[in-house]
Amino acid sequence: MAKPQIRNDDRGTEGWRFFSLNSFVDVHMRTLARIPALVFIVLWRDSKLTKGKAKNPEYVATTSRTSLANRIGCSESGVTKAVKLLKSLGLLRVIRNGRPGLIAQYQVRYVKPEEG
């Protein structure tokens, strides 16, 4: 199967957001277990544009690991392991770690198709 190509056209921020999700599905989802894939998708869904231009948007998700675990249907330790894996793959950046009384913030990273 041919690898997806990056198009150089002028996309809006929402265009880049969906391009990133499509690239994640095409490149990384087939290699991930269920929980890490779902954690990425839920964080992608929760993310809001905080700053950046159309060609370099920055999306941040603010949520707790308890909320992620409840929505995915797994344990909090499963979410913690998934976050570590996604971080090691460069798909996620932890901006602020969550702890009791403090919700975590995650930056969902842009996925380049040629990395697959």
PDB file of N, CA and C in Angstrom:
ATOM      1  N   MET A   1       0.841  -1.180   0.000  1.00  0.00           N
ATOM      2  CA  MET A   1       0.000   0.000   0.000  1.00  0.00           C
ATOM      3  C   MET A   1       0.886   1.242   0.000  1.00  0.00           C
ATOM      4  N   ALA A   2       0.556   2.194  -0.860  1.00  0.00           N
ATOM      5  CA  ALA A   2       1.344   3.415  -0.976  1.00  0.00           C
ATOM      6  C   ALA A   2       1.154   4.292   0.250  1.00  0.00           C
ATOM      7  N   LYS A   3       2.233   4.960   0.634  1.00  0.00           N
ATOM      8  CA  LYS A   3       2.158   5.873   1.770  1.00  0.00           C
ATOM      9  C   LYS A   3       1.458   7.154   1.342  1.00  0.00           C
ATOM     10  N   PRO A   4       0.677   7.766   2.262  1.00  0.00           N
ATOM     11  CA  PRO A   4       0.010   9.022   1.924  1.00  0.00           C
ATOM     12  C   PRO A   4       1.026  10.125   1.676  1.00  0.00           C
ATOM     13  N   GLN A   5       0.686  11.027   0.800  1.00  0.00           N
ATOM     14  CA  GLN A   5       1.564  12.142   0.472  1.00  0.00           C
ATOM     15  C   GLN A   5       1.076  13.401   1.173  1.00  0.00           C
ATOM     16  N   ILE A   6       2.015  14.237   1.616  1.00  0.00           N
ATOM     17  CA  ILE A   6       1.650  15.527   2.189  1.00  0.00           C
ATOM     18  C   ILE A   6       1.378  16.483   1.037  1.00  0.00           C
ATOM     19  N   ARG A   7       0.218  17.117   1.078  1.00  0.00           N
ATOM     20  CA  ARG A   7      -0.127  18.113   0.074  1.00  0.00           C
ATOM     21  C   ARG A   7       0.327  19.469   0.576  1.00  0.00           C
ATOM     22  N   ASN A   8       0.786  20.298  -0.330  1.00  0.00           N
ATOM     23  CA  ASN A   8       1.295  21.617   0.047  1.00  0.00           C
ATOM     24  C   ASN A   8       0.271  22.724  -0.141  1.00  0.00           C
ATOM     25  N   ASP A   9      -1.008  22.390  -0.260  1.00  0.00           N
ATOM     26  CA  ASP A   9      -2.007  23.433  -0.454  1.00  0.00           C
ATOM     27  C   ASP A   9      -2.272  24.167   0.861  1.00  0.00           C
ATOM     28  N   ASP A  10      -2.997  25.247   0.768  1.00  0.00           N
ATOM     29  CA  ASP A  10      -3.265  26.085   1.935  1.00  0.00           C
ATOM     30  C   ASP A  10      -4.501  25.561   2.660  1.00  0.00           C
ATOM     31  N   ARG A  11      -4.303  24.878   3.755  1.00  0.00           N
ATOM     32  CA  ARG A  11      -5.407  24.331   4.538  1.00  0.00           C
ATOM     33  C   ARG A  11      -5.702  25.257   5.708  1.00  0.00           C
ATOM     34  N   GLY A  12      -6.952  25.304   6.094  1.00  0.00           N
ATOM     35  CA  GLY A  12      -7.308  26.016   7.308  1.00  0.00           C
ATOM     36  C   GLY A  12      -6.923  25.162   8.505  1.00  0.00           C
ATOM     37  N   THR A  13      -7.072  25.696   9.710  1.00  0.00           N
ATOM     38  CA  THR A  13      -6.676  24.929  10.889  1.00  0.00           C
ATOM     39  C   THR A  13      -7.491  23.660  11.035  1.00  0.00           C
ATOM     40  N   GLU A  14      -8.786  23.699  10.717  1.00  0.00           N
ATOM     41  CA  GLU A  14      -9.594  22.480  10.811  1.00  0.00           C
ATOM     42  C   GLU A  14      -9.165  21.466   9.761  1.00  0.00           C
ATOM     43  N   GLY A  15      -8.750  21.939   8.590  1.00  0.00           N
ATOM     44  CA  GLY A  15      -8.242  21.030   7.561  1.00  0.00           C
ATOM     45  C   GLY A  15      -7.007  20.283   8.036  1.00  0.00           C
ATOM     46  N   TRP A  16      -6.102  20.998   8.692  1.00  0.00           N
ATOM     47  CA  TRP A  16      -4.898  20.361   9.216  1.00  0.00           C
ATOM     48  C   TRP A  16      -5.245  19.401  10.355  1.00  0.00           C
ATOM     49  N   ARG A  17      -6.249  19.761  11.138  1.00  0.00           N
ATOM     50  CA  ARG A  17      -6.647  18.903  12.259  1.00  0.00           C
ATOM     51  C   ARG A  17      -7.121  17.547  11.735  1.00  0.00           C
ATOM     52  N   PHE A  18      -7.993  17.569  10.727  1.00  0.00           N
ATOM     53  CA  PHE A  18      -8.486  16.302  10.182  1.00  0.00           C
ATOM     54  C   PHE A  18      -7.422  15.586   9.375  1.00  0.00           C
ATOM     55  N   PHE A  19      -6.531  16.321   8.735  1.00  0.00           N
ATOM     56  CA  PHE A  19      -5.411  15.701   8.036  1.00  0.00           C
ATOM     57  C   PHE A  19      -4.550  14.920   9.027  1.00  0.00           C
ATOM     58  N   SER A  20      -4.358  15.497  10.223  1.00  0.00           N
ATOM     59  CA  SER A  20      -3.581  14.818  11.251  1.00  0.00           C
ATOM     60  C   SER A  20      -4.259  13.523  11.699  1.00  0.00           C
ATOM     61  N   LEU A  21      -5.571  13.569  11.896  1.00  0.00           N
ATOM     62  CA  LEU A  21      -6.291  12.353  12.292  1.00  0.00           C
ATOM     63  C   LEU A  21      -6.226  11.306  11.190  1.00  0.00           C
ATOM     64  N   ASN A  22      -6.432  11.717   9.951  1.00  0.00           N
ATOM     65  CA  ASN A  22      -6.358  10.772   8.842  1.00  0.00           C
ATOM     66  C   ASN A  22      -4.978  10.136   8.755  1.00  0.00           C
ATOM     67  N   SER A  23      -3.936  10.937   8.963  1.00  0.00           N
ATOM     68  CA  SER A  23      -2.573  10.404   8.934  1.00  0.00           C
ATOM     69  C   SER A  23      -2.333   9.429  10.082  1.00  0.00           C
ATOM     70  N   PHE A  24      -2.870   9.748  11.272  1.00  0.00           N
ATOM     71  CA  PHE A  24      -2.756   8.838  12.410  1.00  0.00           C
ATOM     72  C   PHE A  24      -3.386   7.490  12.071  1.00  0.00           C
ATOM     73  N   VAL A  25      -4.579   7.525  11.497  1.00  0.00           N
ATOM     74  CA  VAL A  25      -5.268   6.280  11.138  1.00  0.00           C
ATOM     75  C   VAL A  25      -4.463   5.516  10.093  1.00  0.00           C
ATOM     76  N   ASP A  26      -3.951   6.205   9.083  1.00  0.00           N
ATOM     77  CA  ASP A  26      -3.216   5.549   8.002  1.00  0.00           C
ATOM     78  C   ASP A  26      -1.863   5.002   8.430  1.00  0.00           C
ATOM     79  N   VAL A  27      -1.202   5.685   9.356  1.00  0.00           N
ATOM     80  CA  VAL A  27       0.186   5.347   9.683  1.00  0.00           C
ATOM     81  C   VAL A  27       0.336   4.594  11.001  1.00  0.00           C
ATOM     82  N   HIS A  28      -0.276   5.070  12.067  1.00  0.00           N
ATOM     83  CA  HIS A  28       0.022   4.546  13.397  1.00  0.00           C
ATOM     84  C   HIS A  28      -1.028   3.606  13.981  1.00  0.00           C
ATOM     85  N   MET A  29      -2.281   3.785  13.622  1.00  0.00           N
ATOM     86  CA  MET A  29      -3.325   3.034  14.298  1.00  0.00           C
ATOM     87  C   MET A  29      -3.165   1.523  14.127  1.00  0.00           C
ATOM     88  N   ARG A  30      -2.682   1.096  12.986  1.00  0.00           N
ATOM     89  CA  ARG A  30      -2.537  -0.344  12.748  1.00  0.00           C
ATOM     90  C   ARG A  30      -1.469  -0.992  13.640  1.00  0.00           C
ATOM     91  N   THR A  31      -0.568  -0.176  14.186  1.00  0.00           N
ATOM     92  CA  THR A  31       0.508  -0.728  15.005  1.00  0.00           C
ATOM     93  C   THR A  31       0.236  -0.602  16.504  1.00  0.00           C
ATOM     94  N   LEU A  32      -0.823   0.125  16.872  1.00  0.00           N
ATOM     95  CA  LEU A  32      -1.109   0.355  18.286  1.00  0.00           C
ATOM     96  C   LEU A  32      -2.153  -0.618  18.815  1.00  0.00           C
ATOM     97  N   ALA A  33      -2.048  -0.898  20.096  1.00  0.00           N
ATOM     98  CA  ALA A  33      -3.079  -1.676  20.778  1.00  0.00           C
ATOM     99  C   ALA A  33      -4.326  -0.797  20.930  1.00  0.00           C
ATOM    100  N   ARG A  34      -5.406  -1.389  21.379  1.00  0.00           N
ATOM    101  CA  ARG A  34      -6.696  -0.710  21.477  1.00  0.00           C
ATOM    102  C   ARG A  34      -6.650   0.538  22.371  1.00  0.00           C
ATOM    103  N   ILE A  35      -6.115   0.411  23.581  1.00  0.00           N
ATOM    104  CA  ILE A  35      -6.159   1.532  24.531  1.00  0.00           C
ATOM    105  C   ILE A  35      -5.346   2.732  24.046  1.00  0.00           C
ATOM    106  N   PRO A  36      -4.092   2.580  23.609  1.00  0.00           N
ATOM    107  CA  PRO A  36      -3.368   3.758  23.121  1.00  0.00           C
ATOM    108  C   PRO A  36      -4.062   4.430  21.926  1.00  0.00           C
ATOM    109  N   ALA A  37      -4.616   3.632  21.029  1.00  0.00           N
ATOM    110  CA  ALA A  37      -5.313   4.213  19.879  1.00  0.00           C
ATOM    111  C   ALA A  37      -6.528   5.014  20.331  1.00  0.00           C
ATOM    112  N   LEU A  38      -7.290   4.468  21.271  1.00  0.00           N
ATOM    113  CA  LEU A  38      -8.471   5.180  21.763  1.00  0.00           C
ATOM    114  C   LEU A  38      -8.099   6.420  22.567  1.00  0.00           C
ATOM    115  N   VAL A  39      -7.025   6.358  23.332  1.00  0.00           N
ATOM    116  CA  VAL A  39      -6.568   7.530  24.086  1.00  0.00           C
ATOM    117  C   VAL A  39      -6.233   8.655  23.106  1.00  0.00           C
ATOM    118  N   PHE A  40      -5.511   8.327  22.030  1.00  0.00           N
ATOM    119  CA  PHE A  40      -5.178   9.351  21.040  1.00  0.00           C
ATOM    120  C   PHE A  40      -6.439   9.958  20.437  1.00  0.00           C
ATOM    121  N   ILE A  41      -7.378   9.114  20.051  1.00  0.00           N
ATOM    122  CA  ILE A  41      -8.598   9.600  19.404  1.00  0.00           C
ATOM    123  C   ILE A  41      -9.418  10.480  20.356  1.00  0.00           C
ATOM    124  N   VAL A  42      -9.555  10.067  21.621  1.00  0.00           N
ATOM    125  CA  VAL A  42     -10.316  10.868  22.581  1.00  0.00           C
ATOM    126  C   VAL A  42      -9.614  12.201  22.843  1.00  0.00           C
ATOM    127  N   LEU A  43      -8.293  12.185  22.983  1.00  0.00           N
ATOM    128  CA  LEU A  43      -7.571  13.438  23.195  1.00  0.00           C
ATOM    129  C   LEU A  43      -7.658  14.328  21.962  1.00  0.00           C
ATOM    130  N   TRP A  44      -7.604  13.733  20.778  1.00  0.00           N
ATOM    131  CA  TRP A  44      -7.756  14.504  19.542  1.00  0.00           C
ATOM    132  C   TRP A  44      -9.135  15.171  19.529  1.00  0.00           C
ATOM    133  N   ARG A  45     -10.164  14.411  19.911  1.00  0.00           N
ATOM    134  CA  ARG A  45     -11.535  14.932  19.939  1.00  0.00           C
ATOM    135  C   ARG A  45     -11.683  16.060  20.958  1.00  0.00           C
ATOM    136  N   ASP A  46     -11.019  15.938  22.103  1.00  0.00           N
ATOM    137  CA  ASP A  46     -11.115  16.942  23.166  1.00  0.00           C
ATOM    138  C   ASP A  46     -10.269  18.186  22.907  1.00  0.00           C
ATOM    139  N   SER A  47      -9.366  18.110  21.958  1.00  0.00           N
ATOM    140  CA  SER A  47      -8.410  19.199  21.771  1.00  0.00           C
ATOM    141  C   SER A  47      -9.057  20.441  21.185  1.00  0.00           C
ATOM    142  N   LYS A  48      -8.545  21.560  21.638  1.00  0.00           N
ATOM    143  CA  LYS A  48      -8.998  22.875  21.179  1.00  0.00           C
ATOM    144  C   LYS A  48      -7.781  23.641  20.672  1.00  0.00           C
ATOM    145  N   LEU A  49      -7.998  24.457  19.646  1.00  0.00           N
ATOM    146  CA  LEU A  49      -6.922  25.278  19.114  1.00  0.00           C
ATOM    147  C   LEU A  49      -6.562  26.343  20.130  1.00  0.00           C
ATOM    148  N   THR A  50      -5.299  26.362  20.557  1.00  0.00           N
ATOM    149  CA  THR A  50      -4.867  27.349  21.544  1.00  0.00           C
ATOM    150  C   THR A  50      -4.046  28.455  20.920  1.00  0.00           C
ATOM    151  N   LYS A  51      -3.225  28.095  19.948  1.00  0.00           N
ATOM    152  CA  LYS A  51      -2.434  29.100  19.232  1.00  0.00           C
ATOM    153  C   LYS A  51      -1.858  28.445  17.986  1.00  0.00           C
ATOM    154  N   GLY A  52      -1.293  29.247  17.145  1.00  0.00           N
ATOM    155  CA  GLY A  52      -0.673  28.725  15.941  1.00  0.00           C
ATOM    156  C   GLY A  52      -1.383  29.190  14.689  1.00  0.00           C
ATOM    157  N   LYS A  53      -0.703  29.035  13.599  1.00  0.00           N
ATOM    158  CA  LYS A  53      -1.224  29.429  12.291  1.00  0.00           C
ATOM    159  C   LYS A  53      -1.791  28.195  11.594  1.00  0.00           C
ATOM    160  N   ALA A  54      -2.369  28.397  10.436  1.00  0.00           N
ATOM    161  CA  ALA A  54      -2.993  27.310   9.686  1.00  0.00           C
ATOM    162  C   ALA A  54      -1.994  26.199   9.370  1.00  0.00           C
ATOM    163  N   LYS A  55      -0.741  26.554   9.113  1.00  0.00           N
ATOM    164  CA  LYS A  55       0.237  25.520   8.779  1.00  0.00           C
ATOM    165  C   LYS A  55       1.005  25.006   9.985  1.00  0.00           C
ATOM    166  N   ASN A  56       0.755  25.565  11.170  1.00  0.00           N
ATOM    167  CA  ASN A  56       1.426  25.108  12.379  1.00  0.00           C
ATOM    168  C   ASN A  56       0.487  25.251  13.576  1.00  0.00           C
ATOM    169  N   PRO A  57      -0.671  24.586  13.523  1.00  0.00           N
ATOM    170  CA  PRO A  57      -1.624  24.746  14.621  1.00  0.00           C
ATOM    171  C   PRO A  57      -1.180  23.991  15.869  1.00  0.00           C
ATOM    172  N   GLU A  58      -1.610  24.471  17.027  1.00  0.00           N
ATOM    173  CA  GLU A  58      -1.329  23.786  18.289  1.00  0.00           C
ATOM    174  C   GLU A  58      -2.657  23.523  18.988  1.00  0.00           C
ATOM    175  N   TYR A  59      -2.978  22.256  19.132  1.00  0.00           N
ATOM    176  CA  TYR A  59      -4.217  21.837  19.777  1.00  0.00           C
ATOM    177  C   TYR A  59      -3.898  21.241  21.137  1.00  0.00           C
ATOM    178  N   VAL A  60      -4.652  21.637  22.154  1.00  0.00           N
ATOM    179  CA  VAL A  60      -4.417  21.165  23.514  1.00  0.00           C
ATOM    180  C   VAL A  60      -5.706  20.576  24.068  1.00  0.00           C
ATOM    181  N   ALA A  61      -5.584  19.399  24.668  1.00  0.00           N
ATOM    182  CA  ALA A  61      -6.708  18.750  25.340  1.00  0.00           C
ATOM    183  C   ALA A  61      -6.486  18.858  26.842  1.00  0.00           C
ATOM    184  N   THR A  62      -7.528  19.252  27.555  1.00  0.00           N
ATOM    185  CA  THR A  62      -7.477  19.356  29.006  1.00  0.00           C
ATOM    186  C   THR A  62      -8.489  18.372  29.571  1.00  0.00           C
ATOM    187  N   THR A  63      -7.985  17.340  30.234  1.00  0.00           N
ATOM    188  CA  THR A  63      -8.854  16.300  30.778  1.00  0.00           C
ATOM    189  C   THR A  63      -8.105  15.509  31.838  1.00  0.00           C
ATOM    190  N   SER A  64      -8.827  14.728  32.592  1.00  0.00           N
ATOM    191  CA  SER A  64      -8.181  13.891  33.614  1.00  0.00           C
ATOM    192  C   SER A  64      -8.039  12.463  33.091  1.00  0.00           C
ATOM    193  N   ARG A  65      -7.116  11.752  33.680  1.00  0.00           N
ATOM    194  CA  ARG A  65      -6.940  10.343  33.293  1.00  0.00           C
ATOM    195  C   ARG A  65      -8.148   9.518  33.725  1.00  0.00           C
ATOM    196  N   THR A  66      -8.793   9.921  34.800  1.00  0.00           N
ATOM    197  CA  THR A  66     -10.012   9.240  35.230  1.00  0.00           C
ATOM    198  C   THR A  66     -11.099   9.375  34.172  1.00  0.00           C
ATOM    199  N   SER A  67     -11.256  10.577  33.643  1.00  0.00           N
ATOM    200  CA  SER A  67     -12.248  10.801  32.591  1.00  0.00           C
ATOM    201  C   SER A  67     -11.913   9.994  31.343  1.00  0.00           C
ATOM    202  N   LEU A  68     -10.648   9.995  30.948  1.00  0.00           N
ATOM    203  CA  LEU A  68     -10.231   9.190  29.789  1.00  0.00           C
ATOM    204  C   LEU A  68     -10.544   7.718  30.009  1.00  0.00           C
ATOM    205  N   ALA A  69     -10.199   7.197  31.189  1.00  0.00           N
ATOM    206  CA  ALA A  69     -10.436   5.783  31.493  1.00  0.00           C
ATOM    207  C   ALA A  69     -11.919   5.448  31.457  1.00  0.00           C
ATOM    208  N   ASN A  70     -12.749   6.323  32.016  1.00  0.00           N
ATOM    209  CA  ASN A  70     -14.196   6.085  32.015  1.00  0.00           C
ATOM    210  C   ASN A  70     -14.764   6.072  30.607  1.00  0.00           C
ATOM    211  N   ARG A  71     -14.324   7.018  29.777  1.00  0.00           N
ATOM    212  CA  ARG A  71     -14.862   7.104  28.420  1.00  0.00           C
ATOM    213  C   ARG A  71     -14.385   5.965  27.529  1.00  0.00           C
ATOM    214  N   ILE A  72     -13.170   5.497  27.752  1.00  0.00           N
ATOM    215  CA  ILE A  72     -12.613   4.419  26.929  1.00  0.00           C
ATOM    216  C   ILE A  72     -13.051   3.042  27.439  1.00  0.00           C
ATOM    217  N   GLY A  73     -13.282   2.958  28.739  1.00  0.00           N
ATOM    218  CA  GLY A  73     -13.649   1.671  29.329  1.00  0.00           C
ATOM    219  C   GLY A  73     -12.439   0.860  29.731  1.00  0.00           C
ATOM    220  N   CYS A  74     -11.480   1.527  30.375  1.00  0.00           N
ATOM    221  CA  CYS A  74     -10.272   0.837  30.839  1.00  0.00           C
ATOM    222  C   CYS A  74      -9.875   1.417  32.193  1.00  0.00           C
ATOM    223  N   SER A  75      -8.774   0.943  32.728  1.00  0.00           N
ATOM    224  CA  SER A  75      -8.290   1.430  34.016  1.00  0.00           C
ATOM    225  C   SER A  75      -7.449   2.696  33.831  1.00  0.00           C
ATOM    226  N   GLU A  76      -7.275   3.432  34.923  1.00  0.00           N
ATOM    227  CA  GLU A  76      -6.408   4.616  34.878  1.00  0.00           C
ATOM    228  C   GLU A  76      -4.963   4.227  34.581  1.00  0.00           C
ATOM    229  N   SER A  77      -4.534   3.071  35.084  1.00  0.00           N
ATOM    230  CA  SER A  77      -3.161   2.635  34.785  1.00  0.00           C
ATOM    231  C   SER A  77      -3.002   2.322  33.300  1.00  0.00           C
ATOM    232  N   GLY A  78      -4.067   1.839  32.666  1.00  0.00           N
ATOM    233  CA  GLY A  78      -4.031   1.608  31.219  1.00  0.00           C
ATOM    234  C   GLY A  78      -3.859   2.915  30.458  1.00  0.00           C
ATOM    235  N   VAL A  79      -4.542   3.961  30.913  1.00  0.00           N
ATOM    236  CA  VAL A  79      -4.404   5.278  30.298  1.00  0.00           C
ATOM    237  C   VAL A  79      -2.988   5.808  30.509  1.00  0.00           C
ATOM    238  N   THR A  80      -2.455   5.646  31.722  1.00  0.00           N
ATOM    239  CA  THR A  80      -1.095   6.111  32.010  1.00  0.00           C
ATOM    240  C   THR A  80      -0.077   5.439  31.099  1.00  0.00           C
ATOM    241  N   LYS A  81      -0.190   4.130  30.922  1.00  0.00           N
ATOM    242  CA  LYS A  81       0.717   3.403  30.020  1.00  0.00           C
ATOM    243  C   LYS A  81       0.552   3.873  28.578  1.00  0.00           C
ATOM    244  N   ALA A  82      -0.692   4.107  28.170  1.00  0.00           N
ATOM    245  CA  ALA A  82      -0.952   4.564  26.805  1.00  0.00           C
ATOM    246  C   ALA A  82      -0.355   5.949  26.566  1.00  0.00           C
ATOM    247  N   VAL A  83      -0.503   6.842  27.542  1.00  0.00           N
ATOM    248  CA  VAL A  83       0.068   8.186  27.414  1.00  0.00           C
ATOM    249  C   VAL A  83       1.585   8.102  27.280  1.00  0.00           C
ATOM    250  N   LYS A  84       2.225   7.264  28.076  1.00  0.00           N
ATOM    251  CA  LYS A  84       3.686   7.095  27.978  1.00  0.00           C
ATOM    252  C   LYS A  84       4.085   6.588  26.604  1.00  0.00           C
ATOM    253  N   LEU A  85       3.337   5.625  26.062  1.00  0.00           N
ATOM    254  CA  LEU A  85       3.641   5.080  24.742  1.00  0.00           C
ATOM    255  C   LEU A  85       3.451   6.147  23.662  1.00  0.00           C
ATOM    256  N   LEU A  86       2.332   6.853  23.693  1.00  0.00           N
ATOM    257  CA  LEU A  86       2.073   7.885  22.692  1.00  0.00           C
ATOM    258  C   LEU A  86       3.119   8.997  22.766  1.00  0.00           C
ATOM    259  N   LYS A  87       3.550   9.319  23.976  1.00  0.00           N
ATOM    260  CA  LYS A  87       4.603  10.320  24.156  1.00  0.00           C
ATOM    261  C   LYS A  87       5.913   9.828  23.544  1.00  0.00           C
ATOM    262  N   SER A  88       6.257   8.566  23.769  1.00  0.00           N
ATOM    263  CA  SER A  88       7.508   8.020  23.224  1.00  0.00           C
ATOM    264  C   SER A  88       7.490   7.946  21.695  1.00  0.00           C
ATOM    265  N   LEU A  89       6.292   7.830  21.116  1.00  0.00           N
ATOM    266  CA  LEU A  89       6.159   7.796  19.654  1.00  0.00           C
ATOM    267  C   LEU A  89       6.103   9.197  19.040  1.00  0.00           C
ATOM    268  N   GLY A  90       6.058  10.224  19.900  1.00  0.00           N
ATOM    269  CA  GLY A  90       5.991  11.589  19.414  1.00  0.00           C
ATOM    270  C   GLY A  90       4.600  12.030  19.006  1.00  0.00           C
ATOM    271  N   LEU A  91       3.584  11.260  19.376  1.00  0.00           N
ATOM    272  CA  LEU A  91       2.209  11.589  19.009  1.00  0.00           C
ATOM    273  C   LEU A  91       1.523  12.478  20.037  1.00  0.00           C
ATOM    274  N   LEU A  92       2.154  12.622  21.188  1.00  0.00           N
ATOM    275  CA  LEU A  92       1.538  13.354  22.283  1.00  0.00           C
ATOM    276  C   LEU A  92       2.627  14.046  23.083  1.00  0.00           C
ATOM    277  N   ARG A  93       2.321  15.251  23.528  1.00  0.00           N
ATOM    278  CA  ARG A  93       3.228  15.963  24.440  1.00  0.00           C
ATOM    279  C   ARG A  93       2.428  16.279  25.686  1.00  0.00           C
ATOM    280  N   VAL A  94       2.985  15.911  26.830  1.00  0.00           N
ATOM    281  CA  VAL A  94       2.326  16.210  28.095  1.00  0.00           C
ATOM    282  C   VAL A  94       2.755  17.610  28.507  1.00  0.00           C
ATOM    283  N   ILE A  95       1.795  18.518  28.529  1.00  0.00           N
ATOM    284  CA  ILE A  95       2.076  19.900  28.915  1.00  0.00           C
ATOM    285  C   ILE A  95       2.060  20.023  30.431  1.00  0.00           C
ATOM    286  N   ARG A  96       1.054  19.392  31.054  1.00  0.00           N
ATOM    287  CA  ARG A  96       0.941  19.426  32.512  1.00  0.00           C
ATOM    288  C   ARG A  96       0.423  18.066  32.967  1.00  0.00           C
ATOM    289  N   ASN A  97       1.165  17.416  33.850  1.00  0.00           N
ATOM    290  CA  ASN A  97       0.729  16.140  34.401  1.00  0.00           C
ATOM    291  C   ASN A  97      -0.425  16.354  35.360  1.00  0.00           C
ATOM    292  N   GLY A  98      -1.376  15.467  35.296  1.00  0.00           N
ATOM    293  CA  GLY A  98      -2.505  15.543  36.219  1.00  0.00           C
ATOM    294  C   GLY A  98      -2.164  14.868  37.539  1.00  0.00           C
ATOM    295  N   ARG A  99      -2.794  15.337  38.578  1.00  0.00           N
ATOM    296  CA  ARG A  99      -2.707  14.723  39.900  1.00  0.00           C
ATOM    297  C   ARG A  99      -3.979  15.140  40.634  1.00  0.00           C
ATOM    298  N   PRO A 100      -4.257  14.595  41.773  1.00  0.00           N
ATOM    299  CA  PRO A 100      -5.501  14.975  42.461  1.00  0.00           C
ATOM    300  C   PRO A 100      -5.636  16.496  42.580  1.00  0.00           C
ATOM    301  N   GLY A 101      -6.736  16.996  42.083  1.00  0.00           N
ATOM    302  CA  GLY A 101      -6.984  18.428  42.131  1.00  0.00           C
ATOM    303  C   GLY A 101      -6.425  19.210  40.957  1.00  0.00           C
ATOM    304  N   LEU A 102      -5.738  18.552  40.049  1.00  0.00           N
ATOM    305  CA  LEU A 102      -5.156  19.235  38.893  1.00  0.00           C
ATOM    306  C   LEU A 102      -5.367  18.384  37.644  1.00  0.00           C
ATOM    307  N   ILE A 103      -6.064  18.938  36.679  1.00  0.00           N
ATOM    308  CA  ILE A 103      -6.336  18.221  35.437  1.00  0.00           C
ATOM    309  C   ILE A 103      -5.125  18.327  34.519  1.00  0.00           C
ATOM    310  N   ALA A 104      -4.863  17.273  33.779  1.00  0.00           N
ATOM    311  CA  ALA A 104      -3.715  17.239  32.877  1.00  0.00           C
ATOM    312  C   ALA A 104      -4.017  17.964  31.571  1.00  0.00           C
ATOM    313  N   GLN A 105      -2.951  18.412  30.911  1.00  0.00           N
ATOM    314  CA  GLN A 105      -3.068  19.008  29.586  1.00  0.00           C
ATOM    315  C   GLN A 105      -2.136  18.265  28.644  1.00  0.00           C
ATOM    316  N   TYR A 106      -2.652  17.974  27.462  1.00  0.00           N
ATOM    317  CA  TYR A 106      -1.898  17.224  26.456  1.00  0.00           C
ATOM    318  C   TYR A 106      -1.955  17.963  25.134  1.00  0.00           C
ATOM    319  N   GLN A 107      -0.839  17.965  24.421  1.00  0.00           N
ATOM    320  CA  GLN A 107      -0.840  18.490  23.060  1.00  0.00           C
ATOM    321  C   GLN A 107      -0.822  17.302  22.110  1.00  0.00           C
ATOM    322  N   VAL A 108      -1.863  17.213  21.301  1.00  0.00           N
ATOM    323  CA  VAL A 108      -1.912  16.171  20.274  1.00  0.00           C
ATOM    324  C   VAL A 108      -1.021  16.637  19.146  1.00  0.00           C
ATOM    325  N   ARG A 109      -0.027  15.817  18.813  1.00  0.00           N
ATOM    326  CA  ARG A 109       0.984  16.227  17.841  1.00  0.00           C
ATOM    327  C   ARG A 109       0.548  15.920  16.426  1.00  0.00           C
ATOM    328  N   TYR A 110       1.025  16.714  15.499  1.00  0.00           N
ATOM    329  CA  TYR A 110       0.801  16.510  14.073  1.00  0.00           C
ATOM    330  C   TYR A 110       1.487  15.220  13.644  1.00  0.00           C
ATOM    331  N   VAL A 111       0.816  14.417  12.885  1.00  0.00           N
ATOM    332  CA  VAL A 111       1.359  13.142  12.416  1.00  0.00           C
ATOM    333  C   VAL A 111       1.783  13.285  10.979  1.00  0.00           C
ATOM    334  N   LYS A 112       3.066  13.024  10.692  1.00  0.00           N
ATOM    335  CA  LYS A 112       3.552  13.089   9.314  1.00  0.00           C
ATOM    336  C   LYS A 112       3.430  11.711   8.672  1.00  0.00           C
ATOM    337  N   PRO A 113       2.741  11.614   7.548  1.00  0.00           N
ATOM    338  CA  PRO A 113       2.522  10.307   6.920  1.00  0.00           C
ATOM    339  C   PRO A 113       3.809   9.577   6.541  1.00  0.00           C
ATOM    340  N   GLU A 114       4.851  10.287   6.162  1.00  0.00           N
ATOM    341  CA  GLU A 114       6.076   9.603   5.733  1.00  0.00           C
ATOM    342  C   GLU A 114       6.827   8.942   6.869  1.00  0.00           C
ATOM    343  N   GLU A 115       6.387   9.157   8.139  1.00  0.00           N
ATOM    344  CA  GLU A 115       7.051   8.534   9.272  1.00  0.00           C
ATOM    345  C   GLU A 115       6.620   7.092   9.475  1.00  0.00           C
ATOM    346  N   GLY A 116       5.577   6.644   8.790  1.00  0.00           N
ATOM    347  CA  GLY A 116       5.025   5.325   8.994  1.00  0.00           C
ATOM    348  C   GLY A 116       5.798   4.210   8.418  1.00  0.00           C
TER     349      GLY A 116
END
